[in-house]
Structures are given as C-alpha cells and as structure tokens.
Amino acid sequence: MDSIGERLRQERLRRGFDLQQIAEFTKINIVMLEAIEADDLESLPGIFFTRSFVRQYARALDLDEASFEPELNRLAACESVPTLEDQPAAREDFDVPPMRAARTAPIGSVR
C-alpha cells in the first residue's frame, strides 16, 4: 500500500493539479503540502495539524478522508506524548506579583 503522501501526490498529478493550486484551495502552506507528499511528517507541526492537513488535502482531491484514518491513527500512536516525568518540577518558592485592580470603565471609554 502506498503512503499517505504518495497517494495524495499520485491523485493530484492524475487530476492535473499543481501544489500551488492545492495550497490556494486549502489555504495550507505549500511547504506543508510538500512535506506531506514527501512523507516528511516530522516537519509538520504535530499530529493534530497533520491529521487536519491530510483531511483537507484529501477533500480538495475529492478523496474519501476516512481511507486515510488507519495510517493517521498509527502515526498518532507513534507520536510521543509528554508525561509528568518530562515536565519540570513545580516551584513553590517563587514570588507572584499581586494582581492589579480591575478597570471599572470599558477599554477605550473616557473616564
């Protein structure tokens, strides 16, 4: 089975579209579309955006978005999720400045 990027690229070429046309239609940056087609998903800003971009790209080509879900789910499962151990330790010894009094007049109004 072809990869996500290869399937999208093949269909785009079959339909005679260039990446600029897909970018204009989807409003996805052409660099992101190139990364998808090259299966360079690590260059994309995380699985949430990758999933959205792939769905939009598939929709632009009138492909069944659901056919990409198994591979997207596999990619999502492989993406590392930060754990509590990865987080910096909480600091309880820092000073928090007091909150300022709330404004009584709406922003832009004259007092």
N, C-alpha and C. Protein backbone atom coordinates (compact mmCIF):
# COMPACT_ATOMS: atom_id res chain seq x y z
N MET A 1 0.84 -1.18 0.00
CA MET A 1 0.00 0.00 0.00
C MET A 1 0.89 1.25 0.00
N ASP A 2 0.50 2.24 -0.79
CA ASP A 2 1.25 3.49 -0.85
C ASP A 2 1.05 4.29 0.42
N SER A 3 2.02 5.14 0.70
CA SER A 3 1.95 6.01 1.88
C SER A 3 0.92 7.11 1.65
N ILE A 4 0.60 7.84 2.70
CA ILE A 4 -0.33 8.96 2.62
C ILE A 4 0.15 9.95 1.57
N GLY A 5 1.40 10.37 1.69
CA GLY A 5 1.93 11.36 0.77
C GLY A 5 1.92 10.90 -0.67
N GLU A 6 2.28 9.65 -0.88
CA GLU A 6 2.32 9.11 -2.24
C GLU A 6 0.91 9.03 -2.83
N ARG A 7 -0.05 8.60 -2.03
CA ARG A 7 -1.44 8.52 -2.52
C ARG A 7 -1.95 9.90 -2.91
N LEU A 8 -1.68 10.91 -2.07
CA LEU A 8 -2.15 12.26 -2.37
C LEU A 8 -1.44 12.82 -3.60
N ARG A 9 -0.14 12.62 -3.68
CA ARG A 9 0.63 13.13 -4.82
C ARG A 9 0.16 12.49 -6.13
N GLN A 10 -0.02 11.18 -6.11
CA GLN A 10 -0.46 10.48 -7.32
C GLN A 10 -1.83 10.98 -7.79
N GLU A 11 -2.74 11.16 -6.85
CA GLU A 11 -4.08 11.63 -7.22
C GLU A 11 -4.02 13.08 -7.72
N ARG A 12 -3.20 13.90 -7.08
CA ARG A 12 -3.05 15.30 -7.53
C ARG A 12 -2.54 15.33 -8.96
N LEU A 13 -1.52 14.55 -9.25
CA LEU A 13 -0.96 14.51 -10.60
C LEU A 13 -1.95 13.92 -11.61
N ARG A 14 -2.68 12.90 -11.19
CA ARG A 14 -3.67 12.29 -12.06
C ARG A 14 -4.73 13.30 -12.48
N ARG A 15 -5.08 14.17 -11.54
CA ARG A 15 -6.11 15.18 -11.83
C ARG A 15 -5.54 16.44 -12.48
N GLY A 16 -4.21 16.51 -12.61
CA GLY A 16 -3.59 17.63 -13.30
C GLY A 16 -3.44 18.91 -12.49
N PHE A 17 -3.43 18.79 -11.16
CA PHE A 17 -3.25 19.96 -10.30
C PHE A 17 -1.78 20.11 -9.92
N ASP A 18 -1.36 21.35 -9.72
CA ASP A 18 -0.03 21.55 -9.14
C ASP A 18 -0.21 21.91 -7.67
N LEU A 19 0.88 21.89 -6.93
CA LEU A 19 0.79 22.14 -5.49
C LEU A 19 0.27 23.54 -5.18
N GLN A 20 0.59 24.50 -6.01
CA GLN A 20 0.12 25.87 -5.79
C GLN A 20 -1.41 25.92 -5.81
N GLN A 21 -2.02 25.18 -6.71
CA GLN A 21 -3.48 25.15 -6.77
C GLN A 21 -4.08 24.52 -5.50
N ILE A 22 -3.45 23.46 -5.03
CA ILE A 22 -3.92 22.81 -3.79
C ILE A 22 -3.74 23.76 -2.62
N ALA A 23 -2.62 24.46 -2.57
CA ALA A 23 -2.35 25.41 -1.49
C ALA A 23 -3.39 26.52 -1.49
N GLU A 24 -3.71 27.04 -2.64
CA GLU A 24 -4.70 28.12 -2.73
C GLU A 24 -6.08 27.63 -2.31
N PHE A 25 -6.43 26.42 -2.70
CA PHE A 25 -7.75 25.88 -2.38
C PHE A 25 -7.88 25.56 -0.89
N THR A 26 -6.84 24.95 -0.31
CA THR A 26 -6.91 24.50 1.08
C THR A 26 -6.45 25.55 2.08
N LYS A 27 -5.71 26.55 1.60
CA LYS A 27 -5.09 27.56 2.48
C LYS A 27 -3.99 26.95 3.35
N ILE A 28 -3.44 25.83 2.90
CA ILE A 28 -2.31 25.19 3.58
C ILE A 28 -1.03 25.64 2.88
N ASN A 29 -0.05 26.04 3.66
CA ASN A 29 1.23 26.49 3.11
C ASN A 29 1.81 25.40 2.22
N ILE A 30 2.33 25.82 1.08
CA ILE A 30 2.88 24.87 0.10
C ILE A 30 4.02 24.04 0.69
N VAL A 31 4.77 24.60 1.62
CA VAL A 31 5.86 23.85 2.28
C VAL A 31 5.29 22.67 3.06
N MET A 32 4.15 22.88 3.69
CA MET A 32 3.50 21.79 4.44
C MET A 32 2.99 20.72 3.48
N LEU A 33 2.44 21.14 2.35
CA LEU A 33 1.96 20.17 1.36
C LEU A 33 3.13 19.36 0.80
N GLU A 34 4.24 20.02 0.55
CA GLU A 34 5.44 19.30 0.07
C GLU A 34 5.90 18.28 1.10
N ALA A 35 5.86 18.66 2.38
CA ALA A 35 6.26 17.73 3.45
C ALA A 35 5.32 16.53 3.49
N ILE A 36 4.03 16.76 3.32
CA ILE A 36 3.07 15.65 3.31
C ILE A 36 3.38 14.71 2.16
N GLU A 37 3.56 15.26 0.97
CA GLU A 37 3.83 14.42 -0.19
C GLU A 37 5.15 13.66 -0.07
N ALA A 38 6.11 14.24 0.61
CA ALA A 38 7.41 13.59 0.79
C ALA A 38 7.40 12.64 1.99
N ASP A 39 6.25 12.52 2.64
CA ASP A 39 6.13 11.72 3.86
C ASP A 39 7.11 12.17 4.93
N ASP A 40 7.39 13.47 4.93
CA ASP A 40 8.26 14.08 5.93
C ASP A 40 7.37 14.68 7.01
N LEU A 41 6.63 13.82 7.69
CA LEU A 41 5.64 14.27 8.64
C LEU A 41 6.27 14.88 9.89
N GLU A 42 7.54 14.63 10.12
CA GLU A 42 8.23 15.23 11.26
C GLU A 42 8.40 16.73 11.07
N SER A 43 8.31 17.21 9.83
CA SER A 43 8.41 18.65 9.56
C SER A 43 7.10 19.37 9.80
N LEU A 44 6.04 18.62 10.03
CA LEU A 44 4.73 19.22 10.28
C LEU A 44 4.56 19.50 11.77
N PRO A 45 3.68 20.44 12.10
CA PRO A 45 3.56 20.87 13.50
C PRO A 45 2.69 19.98 14.38
N GLY A 46 2.95 18.68 14.38
CA GLY A 46 2.23 17.77 15.28
C GLY A 46 1.10 17.03 14.60
N ILE A 47 0.64 15.97 15.24
CA ILE A 47 -0.35 15.07 14.64
C ILE A 47 -1.69 15.75 14.46
N PHE A 48 -2.07 16.66 15.34
CA PHE A 48 -3.35 17.35 15.20
C PHE A 48 -3.41 18.08 13.87
N PHE A 49 -2.35 18.86 13.57
CA PHE A 49 -2.31 19.61 12.31
C PHE A 49 -2.10 18.67 11.12
N THR A 50 -1.29 17.66 11.30
CA THR A 50 -1.06 16.69 10.22
C THR A 50 -2.37 16.06 9.81
N ARG A 51 -3.14 15.61 10.79
CA ARG A 51 -4.44 14.99 10.51
C ARG A 51 -5.35 15.97 9.76
N SER A 52 -5.40 17.20 10.23
CA SER A 52 -6.23 18.22 9.58
C SER A 52 -5.77 18.51 8.16
N PHE A 53 -4.47 18.66 7.97
CA PHE A 53 -3.93 18.95 6.64
C PHE A 53 -4.22 17.81 5.66
N VAL A 54 -4.03 16.58 6.11
CA VAL A 54 -4.27 15.42 5.24
C VAL A 54 -5.75 15.35 4.87
N ARG A 55 -6.62 15.58 5.83
CA ARG A 55 -8.06 15.56 5.54
C ARG A 55 -8.43 16.63 4.52
N GLN A 56 -7.92 17.84 4.72
CA GLN A 56 -8.22 18.93 3.80
C GLN A 56 -7.69 18.65 2.40
N TYR A 57 -6.48 18.12 2.34
CA TYR A 57 -5.86 17.78 1.06
C TYR A 57 -6.70 16.71 0.36
N ALA A 58 -7.10 15.68 1.08
CA ALA A 58 -7.92 14.62 0.51
C ALA A 58 -9.25 15.18 0.02
N ARG A 59 -9.86 16.04 0.82
CA ARG A 59 -11.13 16.66 0.44
C ARG A 59 -10.98 17.48 -0.83
N ALA A 60 -9.87 18.20 -0.96
CA ALA A 60 -9.62 19.02 -2.15
C ALA A 60 -9.56 18.16 -3.40
N LEU A 61 -9.10 16.92 -3.24
CA LEU A 61 -8.99 16.00 -4.38
C LEU A 61 -10.22 15.10 -4.50
N ASP A 62 -11.23 15.37 -3.68
CA ASP A 62 -12.47 14.59 -3.67
C ASP A 62 -12.20 13.12 -3.36
N LEU A 63 -11.26 12.88 -2.43
CA LEU A 63 -10.96 11.52 -1.97
C LEU A 63 -11.70 11.27 -0.66
N ASP A 64 -11.88 10.02 -0.32
CA ASP A 64 -12.50 9.64 0.94
C ASP A 64 -11.52 9.88 2.08
N GLU A 65 -11.83 10.87 2.91
CA GLU A 65 -10.95 11.20 4.04
C GLU A 65 -10.76 10.01 4.97
N ALA A 66 -11.82 9.24 5.16
CA ALA A 66 -11.78 8.12 6.09
C ALA A 66 -10.76 7.07 5.68
N SER A 67 -10.43 7.00 4.40
CA SER A 67 -9.46 5.99 3.95
C SER A 67 -8.05 6.29 4.48
N PHE A 68 -7.82 7.50 4.95
CA PHE A 68 -6.52 7.88 5.48
C PHE A 68 -6.44 7.67 7.00
N GLU A 69 -7.58 7.43 7.64
CA GLU A 69 -7.62 7.35 9.10
C GLU A 69 -6.75 6.24 9.70
N PRO A 70 -6.75 5.03 9.15
CA PRO A 70 -5.91 4.00 9.77
C PRO A 70 -4.42 4.42 9.86
N GLU A 71 -3.90 4.98 8.79
CA GLU A 71 -2.50 5.41 8.80
C GLU A 71 -2.30 6.60 9.73
N LEU A 72 -3.24 7.53 9.75
CA LEU A 72 -3.14 8.68 10.66
C LEU A 72 -3.21 8.22 12.11
N ASN A 73 -4.06 7.25 12.40
CA ASN A 73 -4.14 6.72 13.76
C ASN A 73 -2.84 6.03 14.16
N ARG A 74 -2.23 5.32 13.22
CA ARG A 74 -0.94 4.68 13.50
C ARG A 74 0.11 5.74 13.81
N LEU A 75 0.12 6.81 13.03
CA LEU A 75 1.08 7.89 13.26
C LEU A 75 0.84 8.57 14.61
N ALA A 76 -0.43 8.75 14.95
CA ALA A 76 -0.77 9.38 16.23
C ALA A 76 -0.29 8.52 17.39
N ALA A 77 -0.42 7.22 17.25
CA ALA A 77 0.01 6.31 18.32
C ALA A 77 1.53 6.33 18.49
N CYS A 78 2.23 6.62 17.41
CA CYS A 78 3.70 6.64 17.47
C CYS A 78 4.23 7.96 18.01
N GLU A 79 3.42 9.02 17.94
CA GLU A 79 3.89 10.32 18.40
C GLU A 79 4.04 10.28 19.92
N SER A 80 5.17 10.78 20.39
CA SER A 80 5.42 10.74 21.82
C SER A 80 4.54 11.74 22.54
N VAL A 81 3.99 11.30 23.65
CA VAL A 81 3.16 12.14 24.49
C VAL A 81 3.95 12.45 25.75
N PRO A 82 4.13 13.74 26.08
CA PRO A 82 4.89 14.07 27.28
C PRO A 82 4.21 13.54 28.54
N THR A 83 5.00 13.06 29.45
CA THR A 83 4.47 12.56 30.72
C THR A 83 4.83 13.55 31.81
N LEU A 84 4.30 13.31 33.00
CA LEU A 84 4.60 14.18 34.13
C LEU A 84 6.09 14.17 34.44
N GLU A 85 6.75 13.03 34.21
CA GLU A 85 8.17 12.94 34.47
C GLU A 85 8.97 13.85 33.53
N ASP A 86 8.41 14.15 32.35
CA ASP A 86 9.09 15.01 31.39
C ASP A 86 8.95 16.49 31.74
N GLN A 87 8.02 16.81 32.63
CA GLN A 87 7.75 18.21 32.97
C GLN A 87 8.74 18.68 34.03
N PRO A 88 9.11 19.96 33.99
CA PRO A 88 9.99 20.48 35.04
C PRO A 88 9.27 20.45 36.39
N ALA A 89 10.04 20.29 37.43
CA ALA A 89 9.47 20.25 38.77
C ALA A 89 8.78 21.57 39.09
N ALA A 90 7.68 21.50 39.80
CA ALA A 90 6.96 22.71 40.19
C ALA A 90 7.78 23.46 41.22
N ARG A 91 7.76 24.75 41.08
CA ARG A 91 8.48 25.58 42.05
C ARG A 91 7.47 26.29 42.92
N GLU A 92 7.61 26.12 44.18
CA GLU A 92 6.69 26.77 45.11
C GLU A 92 7.33 27.99 45.77
N ASP A 93 8.60 28.25 45.48
CA ASP A 93 9.29 29.31 46.16
C ASP A 93 9.46 30.57 45.31
N PHE A 94 8.64 30.78 44.32
CA PHE A 94 8.77 31.99 43.53
C PHE A 94 7.68 32.99 43.94
N ASP A 95 7.98 34.25 43.74
CA ASP A 95 7.06 35.31 44.11
C ASP A 95 6.12 35.61 42.95
N VAL A 96 4.87 35.75 43.29
CA VAL A 96 3.87 36.12 42.30
C VAL A 96 3.43 37.53 42.63
N PRO A 97 3.57 38.45 41.67
CA PRO A 97 3.15 39.82 41.97
C PRO A 97 1.65 39.88 42.19
N PRO A 98 1.20 40.80 43.05
CA PRO A 98 -0.24 40.91 43.29
C PRO A 98 -0.95 41.38 42.02
N MET A 99 -2.19 40.98 41.88
CA MET A 99 -2.98 41.39 40.72
C MET A 99 -3.36 42.86 40.86
N ARG A 100 -3.38 43.55 39.73
CA ARG A 100 -3.81 44.94 39.75
C ARG A 100 -5.33 44.99 39.88
N ALA A 101 -5.80 46.12 40.37
CA ALA A 101 -7.25 46.30 40.49
C ALA A 101 -7.87 46.29 39.10
N ALA A 102 -9.03 45.73 39.00
CA ALA A 102 -9.72 45.67 37.71
C ALA A 102 -10.17 47.05 37.28
N ARG A 103 -10.19 47.27 36.00
CA ARG A 103 -10.69 48.54 35.46
C ARG A 103 -12.19 48.60 35.67
N THR A 104 -12.67 49.78 35.94
CA THR A 104 -14.10 49.93 36.13
C THR A 104 -14.79 50.41 34.86
N ALA A 105 -14.03 51.02 33.95
CA ALA A 105 -14.61 51.51 32.70
C ALA A 105 -14.17 50.61 31.57
N PRO A 106 -15.00 50.43 30.56
CA PRO A 106 -14.61 49.62 29.41
C PRO A 106 -13.38 50.21 28.71
N ILE A 107 -12.61 49.38 28.09
CA ILE A 107 -11.43 49.83 27.36
C ILE A 107 -11.88 50.79 26.27
N GLY A 108 -11.18 51.92 26.16
CA GLY A 108 -11.48 52.89 25.13
C GLY A 108 -12.47 53.96 25.56
N SER A 109 -13.11 53.79 26.71
CA SER A 109 -14.05 54.83 27.15
C SER A 109 -13.31 55.89 27.94
N VAL A 110 -13.87 57.05 27.98
CA VAL A 110 -13.25 58.18 28.72
C VAL A 110 -13.81 58.18 30.12
N ARG A 111 -12.92 58.35 31.08
CA ARG A 111 -13.36 58.38 32.48
C ARG A 111 -13.77 59.76 32.88
